[in-house]
Amino acid sequence: MFKLALIHLRRYLKNPTLLLMMGPVPLLLVIFSQLTGTSEAFNPEIALVLNANGPYEQQLVDELNLEDSLVYKGDESTPIEKLKAHQLAGVIVLPETFSSDLDNGKKPHLIRYITENGAGISETEIKIENLINTYLKNYYQLTNQGPITTTIEVTEDAKAIKFTMFISLIIYFMFIGASTLAKDVHQLKQQKILHRSLSTANKDYELFGGLILAMCLIQGSCFSLIYYLGLYFLQLHMPNPFFPLLLMFSMSFVASSLVIFITRILKQPLLIELSIIVYALVGFIFTLLTLNLFDLGLEASLVDNLAKLFPIYWAFDSALHLTLWPNLFIIALFGLAFLSAGSFKLKNFIQK
């Protein structure tokens, strides 16, 4: 099996189209999307509750460019209900003494409510904190020698959502690259190469074991390299250097198993490639919907449950919370499920 995997790896390294789809193309697209993407591109809706109509409240609303529908005056229950219904990513409540505190040089106490995946709210929190810092520095006539922190507890780095989107885009392009691998597997079958290999001393499970191992290695290695290069160019920080390696290789196992499964049930190469791309795209969209980055009018609980049917959601959740358990186990189950379905009556598939 390992010898067969080495043979396939050599083939892959001699395939310029495959190398482009697993190297320069996704790297450039990921970097371009991260550098050109604005905060508005993935801006979850956050409501602001005003308990007074002071000058600083209005100034804060103007600086944040909030729509009127996201500003609630003295009404905290309505945005909280919308938050529970996943129609908002977060709610920030300004106290009644917000303006008077700032007039007296005091730090106002703000209250926030967020959803479980309210990743984008930290960016708004930091904007508010910076504005309050400016107000207080003007009051005390301070210079920019040091920041003044408010009582907003920012539990996530402002770059958290950017880092999460960075990893998710890499994994999405991994599935796009897997569609090229699927085309290769289909050609191996159509050209009877797999059939001829079966007539040798190789077993059917050894043939596909070597093929899957080669696909996992080429994808895991290429996209891990893309990850580290992207990390360098985008100047992002990852505290655990081994975390992305485990995530990339586990997702490459899922993508490789999906290739085998789709190749088994579809006969046309165009449909095979398109099915893998659509599967990845739908999973990516549902994953973004769980963050309330945009709304398709679907029930929040339905969106959450549908997103969990795609492995990219679990990879996204791992990147967002920097955790591998139980996500890595669930990702492995996806891979095993695709592999089991694709390996059913394997010998018949090879010989046909």
Protein backbone atom coordinates (compact mmCIF):
# COMPACT_ATOMS: atom_id res chain seq x y z
CA MET A 1 0.00 0.00 0.00
CA PHE A 2 2.78 2.44 0.87
CA LYS A 3 4.59 1.64 -2.36
CA LEU A 4 1.42 2.36 -4.31
CA ALA A 5 0.97 5.63 -2.39
CA LEU A 6 4.49 6.66 -3.39
CA ILE A 7 3.71 5.91 -7.05
CA HIS A 8 0.59 8.10 -6.93
CA LEU A 9 2.49 10.88 -5.16
CA ARG A 10 5.01 10.93 -7.99
CA ARG A 11 2.14 11.19 -10.47
CA TYR A 12 0.61 14.07 -8.57
CA LEU A 13 3.91 15.93 -8.45
CA LYS A 14 4.14 15.66 -12.23
CA ASN A 15 0.60 17.05 -12.72
CA PRO A 16 0.87 20.84 -13.17
CA THR A 17 -2.90 21.42 -13.02
CA LEU A 18 -3.16 19.58 -9.71
CA LEU A 19 -0.19 21.42 -8.23
CA LEU A 20 -1.65 24.78 -9.28
CA MET A 21 -4.98 23.95 -7.62
CA MET A 22 -3.21 22.92 -4.42
CA GLY A 23 -0.51 25.56 -4.33
CA PRO A 24 -0.27 29.04 -5.90
CA VAL A 25 -3.96 29.43 -6.83
CA PRO A 26 -5.51 28.88 -3.35
CA LEU A 27 -2.64 30.75 -1.67
CA LEU A 28 -3.16 33.83 -3.83
CA LEU A 29 -6.95 33.68 -3.49
CA VAL A 30 -6.84 33.33 0.30
CA ILE A 31 -4.34 36.19 0.70
CA PHE A 32 -6.27 38.38 -1.76
CA SER A 33 -9.59 37.76 -0.01
CA GLN A 34 -8.08 38.55 3.39
CA LEU A 35 -6.28 41.70 2.24
CA THR A 36 -9.16 43.13 0.21
CA GLY A 37 -11.99 42.03 2.50
CA THR A 38 -13.36 44.90 4.54
CA SER A 39 -14.99 44.71 7.92
CA GLU A 40 -18.32 45.29 6.18
CA ALA A 41 -17.87 42.13 4.13
CA PHE A 42 -18.38 39.97 7.20
CA ASN A 43 -20.09 42.31 9.62
CA PRO A 44 -22.53 40.61 11.99
CA GLU A 45 -25.43 42.77 13.13
CA ILE A 46 -24.92 44.17 16.63
CA ALA A 47 -27.59 46.20 18.43
CA LEU A 48 -26.89 49.15 20.70
CA VAL A 49 -29.23 49.94 23.59
CA LEU A 50 -29.28 53.58 24.77
CA ASN A 51 -30.73 54.30 28.21
CA ALA A 52 -30.25 58.05 27.81
CA ASN A 53 -30.13 60.57 24.99
CA GLY A 54 -26.93 62.36 25.89
CA PRO A 55 -24.39 63.91 23.49
CA TYR A 56 -21.92 61.04 23.78
CA GLU A 57 -24.58 58.43 23.01
CA GLN A 58 -25.45 60.11 19.73
CA GLN A 59 -21.81 60.68 18.89
CA LEU A 60 -21.08 56.99 19.49
CA VAL A 61 -23.95 55.92 17.22
CA ASP A 62 -22.66 58.24 14.47
CA GLU A 63 -19.09 56.98 14.78
CA LEU A 64 -20.19 53.33 14.59
CA ASN A 65 -22.38 54.03 11.51
CA LEU A 66 -25.19 51.94 12.96
CA GLU A 67 -28.51 51.70 11.15
CA ASP A 68 -31.55 53.10 12.98
CA SER A 69 -33.00 49.57 13.19
CA LEU A 70 -30.03 48.51 15.33
CA VAL A 71 -30.34 51.34 17.86
CA TYR A 72 -32.85 50.84 20.70
CA LYS A 73 -33.63 53.68 23.07
CA GLY A 74 -34.60 52.42 26.52
CA ASP A 75 -35.71 49.07 25.09
CA GLU A 76 -33.47 46.18 26.09
CA SER A 77 -35.98 43.34 25.80
CA THR A 78 -36.55 43.57 22.02
CA PRO A 79 -32.89 43.16 20.95
CA ILE A 80 -32.41 40.43 23.58
CA GLU A 81 -35.30 38.49 22.04
CA LYS A 82 -33.77 38.95 18.59
CA LEU A 83 -30.45 37.76 19.97
CA LYS A 84 -32.09 34.61 21.34
CA ALA A 85 -33.63 34.04 17.90
CA HIS A 86 -30.15 34.37 16.31
CA GLN A 87 -31.22 37.47 14.42
CA LEU A 88 -28.39 39.42 16.05
CA ALA A 89 -24.83 38.49 16.88
CA GLY A 90 -24.69 40.64 19.98
CA VAL A 91 -26.25 43.42 22.07
CA ILE A 92 -24.31 46.17 23.84
CA VAL A 93 -26.14 48.15 26.52
CA LEU A 94 -25.02 51.67 27.44
CA PRO A 95 -25.86 52.76 30.99
CA GLU A 96 -28.08 55.74 31.73
CA THR A 97 -25.04 57.54 33.12
CA PHE A 98 -22.93 57.04 29.97
CA SER A 99 -22.62 60.75 29.06
CA SER A 100 -22.46 61.98 32.64
CA ASP A 101 -19.69 59.49 33.46
CA LEU A 102 -17.63 60.71 30.54
CA ASP A 103 -18.35 64.35 31.44
CA ASN A 104 -16.89 63.60 34.87
CA GLY A 105 -13.93 61.66 33.49
CA LYS A 106 -15.21 58.27 34.64
CA LYS A 107 -15.14 55.00 32.74
CA PRO A 108 -18.71 53.92 31.95
CA HIS A 109 -19.74 50.33 32.59
CA LEU A 110 -21.15 48.68 29.48
CA ILE A 111 -23.06 45.39 29.40
CA ARG A 112 -22.90 43.02 26.45
CA TYR A 113 -24.82 39.94 25.41
CA ILE A 114 -23.51 37.64 22.70
CA THR A 115 -24.42 34.37 21.02
CA GLU A 116 -22.21 31.30 21.34
CA ASN A 117 -20.54 32.06 18.00
CA GLY A 118 -20.58 35.86 18.31
CA ALA A 119 -17.07 36.07 16.90
CA GLY A 120 -17.39 39.40 15.12
CA ILE A 121 -18.65 41.44 18.08
CA SER A 122 -15.17 41.92 19.55
CA GLU A 123 -14.29 44.25 16.67
CA THR A 124 -17.21 46.52 17.56
CA GLU A 125 -16.29 46.36 21.23
CA ILE A 126 -12.77 47.54 20.46
CA LYS A 127 -14.15 50.39 18.34
CA ILE A 128 -16.30 51.48 21.28
CA GLU A 129 -13.37 51.16 23.66
CA ASN A 130 -11.17 53.28 21.38
CA LEU A 131 -13.85 55.96 21.17
CA ILE A 132 -14.25 56.04 24.96
CA ASN A 133 -10.47 56.25 25.28
CA THR A 134 -10.51 59.27 22.98
CA TYR A 135 -13.24 60.97 25.01
CA LEU A 136 -11.40 60.40 28.28
CA LYS A 137 -8.03 61.44 26.88
CA ASN A 138 -9.60 64.69 25.70
CA TYR A 139 -11.09 65.20 29.17
CA TYR A 140 -7.77 64.67 30.93
CA GLN A 141 -5.78 66.23 28.07
CA LEU A 142 -3.68 63.11 27.81
CA THR A 143 -1.34 62.09 25.00
CA ASN A 144 -1.33 58.69 23.31
CA GLN A 145 1.37 57.34 25.59
CA GLY A 146 -0.88 54.62 26.96
CA PRO A 147 -4.41 53.26 26.48
CA ILE A 148 -7.24 53.72 28.95
CA THR A 149 -9.22 50.51 29.26
CA THR A 150 -12.96 50.46 29.86
CA THR A 151 -14.90 47.84 31.75
CA ILE A 152 -15.88 46.03 28.54
CA GLU A 153 -14.49 42.53 28.82
CA VAL A 154 -13.21 41.58 25.37
CA THR A 155 -12.98 37.81 25.41
CA GLU A 156 -11.81 37.48 21.82
CA ASP A 157 -8.97 39.10 19.91
CA ALA A 158 -10.13 41.38 17.10
CA LYS A 159 -8.18 39.14 14.72
CA ALA A 160 -10.05 36.01 15.85
CA ILE A 161 -12.65 36.17 13.12
CA LYS A 162 -9.99 36.98 10.52
CA PHE A 163 -7.89 34.00 11.59
CA THR A 164 -10.96 31.73 11.58
CA MET A 165 -11.97 32.86 8.09
CA PHE A 166 -8.38 32.35 6.96
CA ILE A 167 -8.36 28.68 8.01
CA SER A 168 -11.89 28.11 6.69
CA LEU A 169 -11.01 29.50 3.27
CA ILE A 170 -7.97 27.21 3.09
CA ILE A 171 -10.15 24.19 3.90
CA TYR A 172 -12.76 25.32 1.35
CA PHE A 173 -10.08 25.47 -1.35
CA MET A 174 -8.87 22.06 -0.20
CA PHE A 175 -12.21 20.65 -1.32
CA ILE A 176 -11.91 22.56 -4.60
CA GLY A 177 -8.53 20.89 -5.10
CA ALA A 178 -10.11 17.55 -4.20
CA SER A 179 -12.38 17.92 -7.22
CA THR A 180 -9.24 17.75 -9.39
CA LEU A 181 -8.21 14.59 -7.56
CA ALA A 182 -11.66 13.14 -8.24
CA LYS A 183 -11.15 13.72 -11.94
CA ASP A 184 -7.85 11.86 -11.70
CA VAL A 185 -9.48 8.88 -9.94
CA HIS A 186 -12.17 8.77 -12.62
CA GLN A 187 -9.51 8.72 -15.34
CA LEU A 188 -7.68 5.88 -13.60
CA LYS A 189 -10.87 3.85 -13.70
CA GLN A 190 -11.82 4.77 -17.26
CA GLN A 191 -8.36 3.93 -18.57
CA LYS A 192 -8.52 0.53 -16.81
CA ILE A 193 -5.38 1.33 -14.83
CA LEU A 194 -7.03 0.26 -11.57
CA HIS A 195 -8.34 -2.89 -13.24
CA ARG A 196 -4.90 -3.84 -14.55
CA SER A 197 -3.35 -3.15 -11.14
CA LEU A 198 -5.87 -5.54 -9.58
CA SER A 199 -4.64 -8.34 -11.86
CA THR A 200 -1.26 -8.15 -10.11
CA ALA A 201 -0.56 -9.25 -6.56
CA ASN A 202 -2.24 -6.10 -5.20
CA LYS A 203 -5.49 -6.45 -3.27
CA ASP A 204 -8.40 -4.10 -3.91
CA TYR A 205 -8.10 -2.51 -0.47
CA GLU A 206 -4.37 -1.99 -1.06
CA LEU A 207 -5.10 -0.18 -4.33
CA PHE A 208 -7.53 2.24 -2.78
CA GLY A 209 -5.58 2.45 0.46
CA GLY A 210 -2.53 3.64 -1.46
CA LEU A 211 -4.66 6.07 -3.46
CA ILE A 212 -6.31 7.59 -0.39
CA LEU A 213 -3.00 7.79 1.48
CA ALA A 214 -1.42 9.62 -1.46
CA MET A 215 -4.33 12.06 -1.67
CA CYS A 216 -4.19 12.73 2.08
CA LEU A 217 -0.44 13.37 1.96
CA ILE A 218 -0.50 15.65 -1.08
CA GLN A 219 -3.45 17.69 0.21
CA GLY A 220 -2.32 17.81 3.83
CA SER A 221 1.23 18.85 2.88
CA CYS A 222 0.26 21.43 0.24
CA PHE A 223 -2.42 23.13 2.31
CA SER A 224 -0.32 23.09 5.48
CA LEU A 225 2.34 24.91 3.46
CA ILE A 226 -0.31 27.35 2.21
CA TYR A 227 -1.38 27.90 5.81
CA TYR A 228 2.12 28.77 7.05
CA LEU A 229 2.88 30.99 4.04
CA GLY A 230 -0.45 32.77 4.45
CA LEU A 231 0.19 33.19 8.15
CA TYR A 232 3.49 34.87 7.33
CA PHE A 233 2.17 37.19 4.60
CA LEU A 234 -0.96 38.19 6.56
CA GLN A 235 1.00 38.56 9.82
CA LEU A 236 -1.41 36.42 11.80
CA HIS A 237 -0.44 34.63 14.99
CA MET A 238 -1.21 31.07 15.98
CA PRO A 239 -0.24 30.09 19.56
CA ASN A 240 -0.17 26.35 18.83
CA PRO A 241 1.85 25.51 15.67
CA PHE A 242 0.66 21.88 15.64
CA PHE A 243 -3.03 22.74 15.76
CA PRO A 244 -3.35 23.57 12.02
CA LEU A 245 -1.35 20.47 11.02
CA LEU A 246 -3.84 18.18 12.75
CA LEU A 247 -6.75 20.14 11.29
CA MET A 248 -5.38 20.16 7.73
CA PHE A 249 -4.52 16.47 7.62
CA SER A 250 -7.81 15.43 9.22
CA MET A 251 -9.74 17.51 6.68
CA SER A 252 -7.59 16.12 3.85
CA PHE A 253 -8.72 12.64 4.98
CA VAL A 254 -12.35 13.79 4.74
CA ALA A 255 -11.79 15.36 1.30
CA SER A 256 -10.01 12.23 0.02
CA SER A 257 -12.75 9.95 1.32
CA LEU A 258 -15.36 12.23 -0.26
CA VAL A 259 -13.54 11.87 -3.58
CA ILE A 260 -13.86 8.08 -3.41
CA PHE A 261 -17.52 8.28 -2.41
CA ILE A 262 -18.56 10.76 -5.12
CA THR A 263 -16.58 8.86 -7.76
CA ARG A 264 -18.50 5.71 -6.84
CA ILE A 265 -22.01 7.18 -7.22
CA LEU A 266 -21.47 9.47 -10.24
CA LYS A 267 -20.15 8.55 -13.67
CA GLN A 268 -19.65 11.87 -15.45
CA PRO A 269 -16.35 13.66 -14.56
CA LEU A 270 -17.99 17.10 -14.75
CA LEU A 271 -20.73 16.06 -12.33
CA ILE A 272 -18.14 14.55 -9.99
CA GLU A 273 -16.14 17.77 -9.80
CA LEU A 274 -19.23 19.95 -9.55
CA SER A 275 -20.74 17.82 -6.76
CA ILE A 276 -17.65 18.20 -4.58
CA ILE A 277 -17.49 21.96 -5.18
CA VAL A 278 -21.19 22.44 -4.42
CA TYR A 279 -20.94 20.30 -1.27
CA ALA A 280 -18.07 22.43 0.02
CA LEU A 281 -19.80 25.69 -0.95
CA VAL A 282 -23.10 24.79 0.74
CA GLY A 283 -21.25 23.75 3.90
CA PHE A 284 -19.28 27.00 3.86
CA ILE A 285 -22.44 29.11 3.48
CA PHE A 286 -24.29 27.34 6.28
CA THR A 287 -21.25 27.76 8.51
CA LEU A 288 -21.24 31.52 7.90
CA LEU A 289 -24.97 31.64 8.64
CA THR A 290 -24.34 30.32 12.15
CA LEU A 291 -22.33 33.50 12.82
CA ASN A 292 -25.24 35.73 11.73
CA LEU A 293 -23.00 37.31 9.11
CA PHE A 294 -25.99 37.45 6.76
CA ASP A 295 -29.56 36.21 6.81
CA LEU A 296 -31.41 33.91 4.41
CA GLY A 297 -34.62 33.96 6.43
CA LEU A 298 -34.10 30.46 7.84
CA GLU A 299 -34.85 29.41 11.41
CA ALA A 300 -31.71 29.73 13.55
CA SER A 301 -31.98 26.22 15.03
CA LEU A 302 -32.47 24.78 11.54
CA VAL A 303 -29.36 26.57 10.27
CA ASP A 304 -27.28 25.31 13.20
CA ASN A 305 -28.40 21.72 12.67
CA LEU A 306 -27.85 21.85 8.92
CA ALA A 307 -24.38 23.34 9.34
CA LYS A 308 -23.38 20.47 11.61
CA LEU A 309 -23.98 18.06 8.72
CA PHE A 310 -20.86 19.43 6.99
CA PRO A 311 -17.29 18.77 8.16
CA ILE A 312 -16.24 22.32 7.31
CA TYR A 313 -18.47 23.56 10.17
CA TRP A 314 -16.50 21.50 12.69
CA ALA A 315 -13.21 22.74 11.26
CA PHE A 316 -14.54 26.31 11.48
CA ASP A 317 -15.62 25.75 15.08
CA SER A 318 -12.17 24.34 15.94
CA ALA A 319 -10.45 27.39 14.46
CA LEU A 320 -12.86 29.77 16.20
CA HIS A 321 -12.44 28.26 19.66
CA LEU A 322 -8.94 26.79 19.16
CA THR A 323 -10.07 23.37 20.28
CA LEU A 324 -9.71 19.90 18.77
CA TRP A 325 -12.05 17.89 21.00
CA PRO A 326 -14.58 16.64 20.13
CA ASN A 327 -14.37 18.31 16.72
CA LEU A 328 -11.43 16.27 15.45
CA PHE A 329 -13.25 13.06 16.38
CA ILE A 330 -16.39 14.20 14.54
CA ILE A 331 -14.33 15.17 11.48
CA ALA A 332 -12.76 11.70 11.50
CA LEU A 333 -16.26 10.17 11.61
CA PHE A 334 -17.18 12.11 8.47
CA GLY A 335 -14.09 10.72 6.74
CA LEU A 336 -14.82 7.15 7.86
CA ALA A 337 -18.45 7.45 6.74
CA PHE A 338 -17.46 8.62 3.24
CA LEU A 339 -14.71 6.00 3.05
CA SER A 340 -17.02 3.18 4.13
CA ALA A 341 -19.68 4.19 1.60
CA GLY A 342 -17.10 4.54 -1.15
CA SER A 343 -15.46 1.20 -0.38
CA PHE A 344 -18.63 -0.89 -0.58
CA LYS A 345 -18.13 -3.72 -3.08
CA LEU A 346 -14.86 -2.11 -4.08
CA LYS A 347 -13.75 -4.97 -6.32
CA ASN A 348 -16.86 -4.68 -8.47
CA PHE A 349 -16.27 -0.96 -8.90
CA ILE A 350 -12.69 -1.50 -10.07
CA GLN A 351 -13.58 -4.26 -12.52
CA LYS A 352 -16.52 -2.46 -14.17
